């Protein structure tokens, strides 16, 4: 019998610069460490934190961008699925926030030890880059969401995105 997944709520940030590029980090894929996947900055919600507090903390830690709470806005997308680390299986529920960057600089000096050990790089992606990506970009459907955010703005309700290509 497979282990019961441990719930892990996460807050992720779609950070978009003035050139309308979104920042993504790279890391080896758990299922195939020889391949690289790309994902938005963010991470786990700590005990006692709200999603918004976690998003602001993670954004500052991972990118150096400090944003006032009133600049964060609502959750624009949700995605959930399982992943493993060692013998532990997690059920991640990711909530995505949309934030405009004041500048494209990235300061990773605030990253925690685990983040520094997993994240292999970062890149600002245009919408065309996302649509043409050959490396996996998570969550699936991120290009469509970024297109929507840039053309029509924040949705009235969070968009539900698949965790992976299996839906």
N, C-alpha and C. Protein backbone atom coordinates (compact mmCIF):
# COMPACT_ATOMS: atom_id res chain seq x y z
N UNK A 1 0.85 -1.17 0.00
CA UNK A 1 0.00 0.00 0.00
C UNK A 1 0.90 1.24 0.00
N UNK A 2 0.65 2.18 -0.96
CA UNK A 2 1.48 3.39 -1.00
C UNK A 2 1.25 4.26 0.23
N UNK A 3 2.28 5.03 0.60
CA UNK A 3 2.14 5.89 1.78
C UNK A 3 1.10 6.99 1.54
N UNK A 4 0.48 7.44 2.61
CA UNK A 4 -0.45 8.56 2.53
C UNK A 4 0.35 9.84 2.32
N UNK A 5 0.04 10.61 1.27
CA UNK A 5 0.80 11.84 1.03
C UNK A 5 0.64 12.85 2.17
N UNK A 6 1.72 13.55 2.45
CA UNK A 6 1.75 14.61 3.46
C UNK A 6 1.30 15.91 2.78
N UNK A 7 0.25 16.56 3.29
CA UNK A 7 -0.19 17.82 2.68
C UNK A 7 0.90 18.89 2.77
N UNK A 8 1.10 19.62 1.67
CA UNK A 8 2.09 20.69 1.65
C UNK A 8 1.56 21.86 0.81
N UNK A 9 0.90 22.81 1.47
CA UNK A 9 0.46 23.99 0.72
C UNK A 9 1.67 24.85 0.35
N UNK A 10 1.66 25.36 -0.86
CA UNK A 10 2.75 26.22 -1.31
C UNK A 10 2.19 27.50 -1.91
N UNK A 11 3.00 28.54 -1.83
CA UNK A 11 2.69 29.83 -2.43
C UNK A 11 3.75 30.10 -3.48
N UNK A 12 3.32 30.36 -4.71
CA UNK A 12 4.25 30.63 -5.81
C UNK A 12 3.92 31.97 -6.43
N UNK A 13 4.93 32.58 -7.02
CA UNK A 13 4.79 33.92 -7.56
C UNK A 13 5.14 33.94 -9.03
N UNK A 14 4.23 34.47 -9.83
CA UNK A 14 4.51 34.73 -11.24
C UNK A 14 5.01 36.16 -11.31
N UNK A 15 6.33 36.30 -11.27
CA UNK A 15 6.98 37.61 -11.25
C UNK A 15 7.25 38.02 -12.69
N UNK A 16 6.64 39.13 -13.12
CA UNK A 16 6.75 39.59 -14.50
C UNK A 16 7.42 40.96 -14.51
N UNK A 17 8.45 41.09 -15.36
CA UNK A 17 9.19 42.36 -15.43
C UNK A 17 8.55 43.31 -16.44
N UNK A 18 9.15 44.49 -16.60
CA UNK A 18 8.60 45.51 -17.50
C UNK A 18 8.61 45.08 -18.96
N UNK A 19 9.45 44.10 -19.31
CA UNK A 19 9.49 43.58 -20.68
C UNK A 19 8.50 42.43 -20.86
N UNK A 20 7.64 42.24 -19.86
CA UNK A 20 6.60 41.18 -19.86
C UNK A 20 7.19 39.78 -19.96
N UNK A 21 8.31 39.59 -19.24
CA UNK A 21 8.92 38.26 -19.12
C UNK A 21 8.66 37.75 -17.71
N UNK A 22 8.47 36.44 -17.59
CA UNK A 22 8.20 35.82 -16.29
C UNK A 22 9.47 35.11 -15.82
N UNK A 23 9.76 35.24 -14.53
CA UNK A 23 10.95 34.62 -13.95
C UNK A 23 10.64 33.18 -13.56
N UNK A 24 11.49 32.26 -14.01
CA UNK A 24 11.39 30.86 -13.62
C UNK A 24 12.75 30.37 -13.16
N UNK A 25 12.72 29.42 -12.21
CA UNK A 25 13.92 28.77 -11.73
C UNK A 25 14.03 27.39 -12.35
N UNK A 26 15.26 26.89 -12.46
CA UNK A 26 15.47 25.54 -12.99
C UNK A 26 15.96 24.62 -11.88
N UNK A 27 15.62 23.34 -12.04
CA UNK A 27 16.06 22.30 -11.10
C UNK A 27 15.96 20.96 -11.82
N UNK A 28 16.78 19.99 -11.40
CA UNK A 28 16.65 18.66 -11.99
C UNK A 28 15.28 18.08 -11.65
N UNK A 29 14.73 17.33 -12.57
CA UNK A 29 13.44 16.68 -12.33
C UNK A 29 13.63 15.52 -11.36
N UNK A 30 12.71 15.36 -10.44
CA UNK A 30 12.79 14.27 -9.46
C UNK A 30 12.78 12.91 -10.17
N UNK A 31 11.89 12.77 -11.14
CA UNK A 31 11.75 11.48 -11.84
C UNK A 31 12.91 11.20 -12.79
N UNK A 32 13.58 12.24 -13.28
CA UNK A 32 14.67 12.08 -14.24
C UNK A 32 15.70 13.19 -13.98
N UNK A 33 16.60 12.98 -13.00
CA UNK A 33 17.55 14.04 -12.62
C UNK A 33 18.45 14.55 -13.75
N UNK A 34 18.53 13.80 -14.85
CA UNK A 34 19.34 14.25 -15.98
C UNK A 34 18.63 15.36 -16.76
N UNK A 35 17.33 15.52 -16.54
CA UNK A 35 16.55 16.55 -17.23
C UNK A 35 16.26 17.73 -16.29
N UNK A 36 16.09 18.90 -16.89
CA UNK A 36 15.80 20.10 -16.14
C UNK A 36 14.34 20.49 -16.30
N UNK A 37 13.72 20.93 -15.20
CA UNK A 37 12.38 21.48 -15.24
C UNK A 37 12.43 22.92 -14.78
N UNK A 38 11.42 23.69 -15.13
CA UNK A 38 11.36 25.11 -14.79
C UNK A 38 10.10 25.38 -13.98
N UNK A 39 10.20 26.25 -12.99
CA UNK A 39 9.07 26.51 -12.10
C UNK A 39 9.17 27.92 -11.54
N UNK A 40 8.03 28.45 -11.09
CA UNK A 40 7.96 29.80 -10.53
C UNK A 40 8.56 29.82 -9.12
N UNK A 41 9.12 30.96 -8.72
CA UNK A 41 9.61 31.09 -7.35
C UNK A 41 8.49 30.84 -6.34
N UNK A 42 8.87 30.32 -5.21
CA UNK A 42 7.89 30.08 -4.15
C UNK A 42 8.25 28.84 -3.37
N UNK A 43 7.40 28.51 -2.41
CA UNK A 43 7.66 27.33 -1.59
C UNK A 43 6.59 27.13 -0.54
N UNK A 44 6.92 26.28 0.40
CA UNK A 44 5.97 25.85 1.41
C UNK A 44 5.52 26.95 2.35
N UNK A 45 4.26 26.83 2.76
CA UNK A 45 3.68 27.74 3.74
C UNK A 45 4.05 27.23 5.12
N UNK A 46 4.64 28.09 5.92
CA UNK A 46 5.04 27.70 7.28
C UNK A 46 3.84 27.76 8.22
N UNK A 47 3.95 27.01 9.34
CA UNK A 47 2.89 27.05 10.35
C UNK A 47 2.62 28.49 10.77
N UNK A 48 1.35 28.87 10.81
CA UNK A 48 0.96 30.20 11.24
C UNK A 48 0.99 31.25 10.14
N UNK A 49 1.50 30.92 8.96
CA UNK A 49 1.55 31.86 7.85
C UNK A 49 0.30 31.75 6.99
N UNK A 50 -0.12 32.87 6.42
CA UNK A 50 -1.14 32.84 5.39
C UNK A 50 -0.44 32.58 4.05
N UNK A 51 -1.22 32.26 3.03
CA UNK A 51 -0.65 32.09 1.69
C UNK A 51 0.07 33.36 1.25
N UNK A 52 -0.56 34.52 1.49
CA UNK A 52 0.03 35.79 1.08
C UNK A 52 1.35 36.05 1.81
N UNK A 53 1.39 35.79 3.10
CA UNK A 53 2.63 35.98 3.86
C UNK A 53 3.74 35.07 3.33
N UNK A 54 3.39 33.83 3.04
CA UNK A 54 4.37 32.89 2.49
C UNK A 54 4.87 33.36 1.13
N UNK A 55 3.96 33.85 0.29
CA UNK A 55 4.35 34.33 -1.04
C UNK A 55 5.33 35.49 -0.93
N UNK A 56 5.04 36.44 -0.07
CA UNK A 56 5.92 37.59 0.10
C UNK A 56 7.28 37.18 0.65
N UNK A 57 7.29 36.26 1.63
CA UNK A 57 8.55 35.78 2.21
C UNK A 57 9.37 35.04 1.16
N UNK A 58 8.73 34.11 0.45
CA UNK A 58 9.44 33.32 -0.56
C UNK A 58 9.98 34.22 -1.69
N UNK A 59 9.19 35.19 -2.11
CA UNK A 59 9.63 36.11 -3.16
C UNK A 59 10.90 36.84 -2.73
N UNK A 60 10.91 37.36 -1.51
CA UNK A 60 12.08 38.08 -1.01
C UNK A 60 13.28 37.14 -0.87
N UNK A 61 13.05 35.95 -0.29
CA UNK A 61 14.16 35.00 -0.08
C UNK A 61 14.78 34.56 -1.40
N UNK A 62 13.94 34.19 -2.35
CA UNK A 62 14.44 33.55 -3.56
C UNK A 62 14.87 34.52 -4.65
N UNK A 63 14.31 35.73 -4.67
CA UNK A 63 14.60 36.65 -5.77
C UNK A 63 15.17 37.99 -5.33
N UNK A 64 15.04 38.32 -4.04
CA UNK A 64 15.45 39.63 -3.56
C UNK A 64 14.41 40.71 -3.79
N UNK A 65 13.31 40.37 -4.42
CA UNK A 65 12.24 41.36 -4.66
C UNK A 65 11.37 41.46 -3.42
N UNK A 66 11.27 42.66 -2.88
CA UNK A 66 10.43 42.91 -1.71
C UNK A 66 9.20 43.67 -2.19
N UNK A 67 8.04 43.12 -1.88
CA UNK A 67 6.78 43.67 -2.35
C UNK A 67 5.89 43.94 -1.15
N UNK A 68 5.22 45.07 -1.17
CA UNK A 68 4.27 45.40 -0.10
C UNK A 68 3.05 44.49 -0.22
N UNK A 69 2.45 44.13 0.90
CA UNK A 69 1.28 43.24 0.85
C UNK A 69 0.18 43.70 -0.10
N UNK A 70 -0.05 45.01 -0.22
CA UNK A 70 -1.12 45.48 -1.10
C UNK A 70 -0.77 45.38 -2.58
N UNK A 71 0.47 45.05 -2.91
CA UNK A 71 0.88 44.86 -4.30
C UNK A 71 0.74 43.40 -4.74
N UNK A 72 0.44 42.51 -3.81
CA UNK A 72 0.41 41.09 -4.12
C UNK A 72 -0.81 40.69 -4.94
N UNK A 73 -1.97 41.16 -4.59
CA UNK A 73 -3.17 40.78 -5.32
C UNK A 73 -3.64 39.40 -4.94
N UNK A 74 -4.69 38.92 -5.64
CA UNK A 74 -5.29 37.63 -5.29
C UNK A 74 -4.54 36.45 -5.91
N UNK A 75 -4.93 35.27 -5.49
CA UNK A 75 -4.45 34.03 -6.12
C UNK A 75 -5.03 33.99 -7.53
N UNK A 76 -4.19 33.78 -8.54
CA UNK A 76 -4.65 33.76 -9.94
C UNK A 76 -4.77 32.34 -10.50
N UNK A 77 -4.12 31.37 -9.83
CA UNK A 77 -4.17 29.99 -10.32
C UNK A 77 -3.88 29.03 -9.18
N UNK A 78 -4.37 27.81 -9.36
CA UNK A 78 -4.14 26.71 -8.42
C UNK A 78 -3.70 25.48 -9.19
N UNK A 79 -2.85 24.69 -8.57
CA UNK A 79 -2.42 23.42 -9.16
C UNK A 79 -2.06 22.49 -8.01
N UNK A 80 -2.40 21.22 -8.13
CA UNK A 80 -2.04 20.29 -7.05
C UNK A 80 -1.64 18.95 -7.63
N UNK A 81 -0.76 18.28 -6.90
CA UNK A 81 -0.28 16.97 -7.30
C UNK A 81 0.72 16.44 -6.30
N UNK A 82 1.18 15.24 -6.53
CA UNK A 82 2.12 14.62 -5.60
C UNK A 82 3.54 14.66 -6.14
N UNK A 83 4.47 14.68 -5.21
CA UNK A 83 5.90 14.55 -5.51
C UNK A 83 6.57 13.91 -4.31
N UNK A 84 7.76 13.36 -4.50
CA UNK A 84 8.44 12.69 -3.41
C UNK A 84 9.83 13.23 -3.18
N UNK A 85 10.23 13.10 -1.94
CA UNK A 85 11.59 13.41 -1.51
C UNK A 85 11.99 12.27 -0.59
N UNK A 86 12.91 11.43 -1.06
CA UNK A 86 13.26 10.25 -0.28
C UNK A 86 12.05 9.33 -0.19
N UNK A 87 11.71 8.91 1.02
CA UNK A 87 10.58 8.01 1.23
C UNK A 87 9.27 8.75 1.49
N UNK A 88 9.32 10.08 1.50
CA UNK A 88 8.12 10.86 1.81
C UNK A 88 7.43 11.31 0.53
N UNK A 89 6.13 11.10 0.47
CA UNK A 89 5.32 11.57 -0.65
C UNK A 89 4.52 12.78 -0.16
N UNK A 90 4.57 13.85 -0.92
CA UNK A 90 3.87 15.08 -0.57
C UNK A 90 2.71 15.32 -1.52
N UNK A 91 1.64 15.87 -1.00
CA UNK A 91 0.54 16.37 -1.82
C UNK A 91 0.64 17.89 -1.78
N UNK A 92 1.19 18.44 -2.84
CA UNK A 92 1.37 19.89 -2.92
C UNK A 92 0.11 20.53 -3.49
N UNK A 93 -0.28 21.61 -2.89
CA UNK A 93 -1.34 22.45 -3.43
C UNK A 93 -0.73 23.83 -3.60
N UNK A 94 -0.45 24.17 -4.85
CA UNK A 94 0.22 25.43 -5.15
C UNK A 94 -0.78 26.51 -5.50
N UNK A 95 -0.63 27.65 -4.85
CA UNK A 95 -1.43 28.84 -5.14
C UNK A 95 -0.48 29.85 -5.77
N UNK A 96 -0.87 30.37 -6.94
CA UNK A 96 -0.02 31.28 -7.70
C UNK A 96 -0.53 32.72 -7.59
N UNK A 97 0.40 33.63 -7.29
CA UNK A 97 0.12 35.07 -7.24
C UNK A 97 0.83 35.73 -8.41
N UNK A 98 0.27 36.80 -8.94
CA UNK A 98 0.84 37.57 -10.05
C UNK A 98 1.41 38.87 -9.50
N UNK A 99 2.69 39.13 -9.78
CA UNK A 99 3.36 40.33 -9.27
C UNK A 99 4.17 40.95 -10.40
N UNK A 100 4.05 42.26 -10.53
CA UNK A 100 4.89 43.00 -11.49
C UNK A 100 6.19 43.38 -10.78
N UNK A 101 7.31 43.07 -11.42
CA UNK A 101 8.63 43.39 -10.87
C UNK A 101 8.98 44.83 -11.18
N UNK A 102 9.57 45.50 -10.23
CA UNK A 102 10.04 46.86 -10.46
C UNK A 102 11.31 46.88 -11.30
N UNK A 103 12.03 45.76 -11.32
CA UNK A 103 13.29 45.64 -12.07
C UNK A 103 13.54 44.16 -12.33
N UNK A 104 14.35 43.83 -13.35
CA UNK A 104 14.59 42.42 -13.65
C UNK A 104 15.73 41.77 -12.87
N UNK A 105 16.34 42.50 -11.96
CA UNK A 105 17.44 41.92 -11.18
C UNK A 105 16.95 40.80 -10.28
N UNK A 106 17.83 39.82 -10.06
CA UNK A 106 17.51 38.70 -9.17
C UNK A 106 18.66 38.54 -8.19
N UNK A 107 18.32 38.55 -6.89
CA UNK A 107 19.31 38.36 -5.83
C UNK A 107 18.95 37.06 -5.11
N UNK A 108 19.73 36.03 -5.30
CA UNK A 108 19.46 34.72 -4.72
C UNK A 108 20.18 34.50 -3.39
N UNK A 109 20.81 35.53 -2.85
CA UNK A 109 21.58 35.36 -1.62
C UNK A 109 20.72 35.00 -0.41
N UNK A 110 19.42 35.25 -0.47
CA UNK A 110 18.53 34.93 0.65
C UNK A 110 17.96 33.53 0.59
N UNK A 111 18.32 32.77 -0.43
CA UNK A 111 17.79 31.41 -0.54
C UNK A 111 18.28 30.54 0.61
N UNK A 112 17.39 29.66 1.05
CA UNK A 112 17.75 28.72 2.11
C UNK A 112 18.67 27.64 1.55
N UNK A 113 19.33 26.90 2.43
CA UNK A 113 20.29 25.88 2.02
C UNK A 113 19.67 24.87 1.06
N UNK A 114 18.47 24.39 1.35
CA UNK A 114 17.81 23.43 0.47
C UNK A 114 17.56 24.04 -0.90
N UNK A 115 17.10 25.27 -0.95
CA UNK A 115 16.84 25.93 -2.23
C UNK A 115 18.12 26.04 -3.04
N UNK A 116 19.22 26.44 -2.39
CA UNK A 116 20.51 26.56 -3.08
C UNK A 116 21.00 25.22 -3.59
N UNK A 117 20.64 24.14 -2.89
CA UNK A 117 21.12 22.82 -3.30
C UNK A 117 20.29 22.24 -4.46
N UNK A 118 19.10 22.75 -4.66
CA UNK A 118 18.21 22.20 -5.69
C UNK A 118 18.14 23.10 -6.93
N UNK A 119 18.04 24.40 -6.73
CA UNK A 119 17.89 25.34 -7.84
C UNK A 119 19.21 25.46 -8.58
N UNK A 120 19.17 25.27 -9.90
CA UNK A 120 20.39 25.30 -10.70
C UNK A 120 20.55 26.59 -11.51
N UNK A 121 19.50 27.40 -11.57
CA UNK A 121 19.61 28.65 -12.32
C UNK A 121 18.27 29.35 -12.40
N UNK A 122 18.27 30.48 -13.07
CA UNK A 122 17.03 31.21 -13.30
C UNK A 122 17.09 31.87 -14.67
N UNK A 123 15.91 32.22 -15.17
CA UNK A 123 15.83 32.84 -16.49
C UNK A 123 14.51 33.60 -16.58
N UNK A 124 14.54 34.75 -17.26
CA UNK A 124 13.33 35.50 -17.57
C UNK A 124 12.83 34.98 -18.92
N UNK A 125 11.57 34.53 -18.97
CA UNK A 125 10.98 33.93 -20.16
C UNK A 125 9.93 34.85 -20.78
N UNK A 126 10.03 35.06 -22.09
CA UNK A 126 8.95 35.75 -22.80
C UNK A 126 7.81 34.75 -23.00
N UNK A 127 6.66 35.24 -23.38
CA UNK A 127 5.54 34.36 -23.68
C UNK A 127 5.91 33.42 -24.83
N UNK A 128 6.59 33.93 -25.84
CA UNK A 128 7.02 33.08 -26.97
C UNK A 128 7.98 31.99 -26.49
N UNK A 129 8.88 32.33 -25.56
CA UNK A 129 9.79 31.32 -24.99
C UNK A 129 9.00 30.22 -24.30
N UNK A 130 8.01 30.61 -23.49
CA UNK A 130 7.19 29.63 -22.78
C UNK A 130 6.45 28.72 -23.75
N UNK A 131 5.90 29.31 -24.79
CA UNK A 131 5.13 28.53 -25.76
C UNK A 131 6.01 27.58 -26.56
N UNK A 132 7.30 27.90 -26.71
CA UNK A 132 8.22 27.07 -27.49
C UNK A 132 9.12 26.19 -26.61
N UNK A 133 8.91 26.20 -25.31
CA UNK A 133 9.80 25.49 -24.39
C UNK A 133 9.89 24.00 -24.72
N UNK A 134 11.10 23.48 -24.69
CA UNK A 134 11.30 22.04 -24.87
C UNK A 134 11.54 21.36 -23.53
N UNK A 135 12.06 22.10 -22.55
CA UNK A 135 12.17 21.58 -21.19
C UNK A 135 10.79 21.66 -20.53
N UNK A 136 10.49 20.77 -19.60
CA UNK A 136 9.21 20.86 -18.90
C UNK A 136 9.11 22.16 -18.09
N UNK A 137 7.94 22.80 -18.17
CA UNK A 137 7.63 23.99 -17.40
C UNK A 137 6.43 23.65 -16.54
N UNK A 138 6.54 23.95 -15.25
CA UNK A 138 5.47 23.60 -14.31
C UNK A 138 4.83 24.84 -13.72
N UNK A 139 3.53 24.79 -13.53
CA UNK A 139 2.63 23.70 -13.90
C UNK A 139 2.34 23.74 -15.40
N UNK A 140 1.78 22.65 -15.89
CA UNK A 140 1.37 22.57 -17.28
C UNK A 140 0.32 23.66 -17.51
N UNK A 141 0.43 24.34 -18.63
CA UNK A 141 -0.52 25.41 -18.93
C UNK A 141 -0.07 26.78 -18.48
N UNK A 142 1.15 26.88 -17.96
CA UNK A 142 1.64 28.17 -17.47
C UNK A 142 1.68 29.21 -18.59
N UNK A 143 2.05 28.81 -19.80
CA UNK A 143 2.11 29.78 -20.91
C UNK A 143 0.74 30.40 -21.16
N UNK A 144 -0.31 29.59 -21.15
CA UNK A 144 -1.66 30.12 -21.35
C UNK A 144 -2.08 31.07 -20.25
N UNK A 145 -1.72 30.74 -19.02
CA UNK A 145 -2.05 31.61 -17.89
C UNK A 145 -1.31 32.95 -18.01
N UNK A 146 -0.02 32.90 -18.32
CA UNK A 146 0.75 34.14 -18.47
C UNK A 146 0.17 34.98 -19.60
N UNK A 147 -0.20 34.35 -20.71
CA UNK A 147 -0.84 35.06 -21.81
C UNK A 147 -2.11 35.76 -21.33
N UNK A 148 -2.94 35.05 -20.59
CA UNK A 148 -4.17 35.63 -20.06
C UNK A 148 -3.88 36.81 -19.13
N UNK A 149 -2.91 36.65 -18.24
CA UNK A 149 -2.58 37.72 -17.29
C UNK A 149 -2.09 38.97 -18.01
N UNK A 150 -1.30 38.78 -19.07
CA UNK A 150 -0.73 39.92 -19.79
C UNK A 150 -1.73 40.58 -20.72
N UNK A 151 -2.70 39.83 -21.23
CA UNK A 151 -3.63 40.41 -22.20
C UNK A 151 -4.95 40.85 -21.59
N UNK A 152 -5.50 40.06 -20.67
CA UNK A 152 -6.82 40.42 -20.12
C UNK A 152 -6.78 40.70 -18.62
N UNK A 153 -5.66 40.45 -17.98
CA UNK A 153 -5.53 40.76 -16.56
C UNK A 153 -5.86 39.58 -15.66
N UNK A 154 -5.99 39.87 -14.40
CA UNK A 154 -6.23 38.87 -13.37
C UNK A 154 -7.64 38.29 -13.53
N UNK A 155 -7.76 36.96 -13.52
CA UNK A 155 -9.08 36.35 -13.66
C UNK A 155 -9.95 36.59 -12.42
N UNK A 156 -11.27 36.56 -12.60
CA UNK A 156 -12.20 36.76 -11.48
C UNK A 156 -12.06 35.65 -10.45
N UNK A 157 -11.78 34.45 -10.92
CA UNK A 157 -11.59 33.27 -10.05
C UNK A 157 -10.26 32.62 -10.44
N UNK A 158 -9.56 31.99 -9.50
CA UNK A 158 -8.30 31.33 -9.85
C UNK A 158 -8.51 30.26 -10.93
N UNK A 159 -7.59 30.22 -11.87
CA UNK A 159 -7.57 29.22 -12.93
C UNK A 159 -7.01 27.94 -12.35
N UNK A 160 -7.59 26.80 -12.71
CA UNK A 160 -7.09 25.50 -12.25
C UNK A 160 -6.17 24.95 -13.34
N UNK A 161 -4.89 24.73 -13.00
CA UNK A 161 -3.92 24.20 -13.94
C UNK A 161 -3.54 22.78 -13.57
N UNK A 162 -3.33 21.92 -14.57
CA UNK A 162 -2.91 20.55 -14.26
C UNK A 162 -1.51 20.54 -13.65
N UNK A 163 -1.27 19.59 -12.77
CA UNK A 163 0.04 19.44 -12.13
C UNK A 163 1.08 18.96 -13.14
N UNK A 164 0.68 18.03 -13.97
CA UNK A 164 1.60 17.50 -14.99
C UNK A 164 0.80 17.19 -16.25
N UNK A 165 1.47 16.63 -17.24
CA UNK A 165 0.80 16.39 -18.52
C UNK A 165 -0.26 15.30 -18.46
N UNK A 166 -0.33 14.56 -17.34
CA UNK A 166 -1.38 13.55 -17.19
C UNK A 166 -2.68 14.16 -16.71
N UNK A 167 -2.68 15.45 -16.40
CA UNK A 167 -3.92 16.12 -16.05
C UNK A 167 -4.08 16.42 -14.64
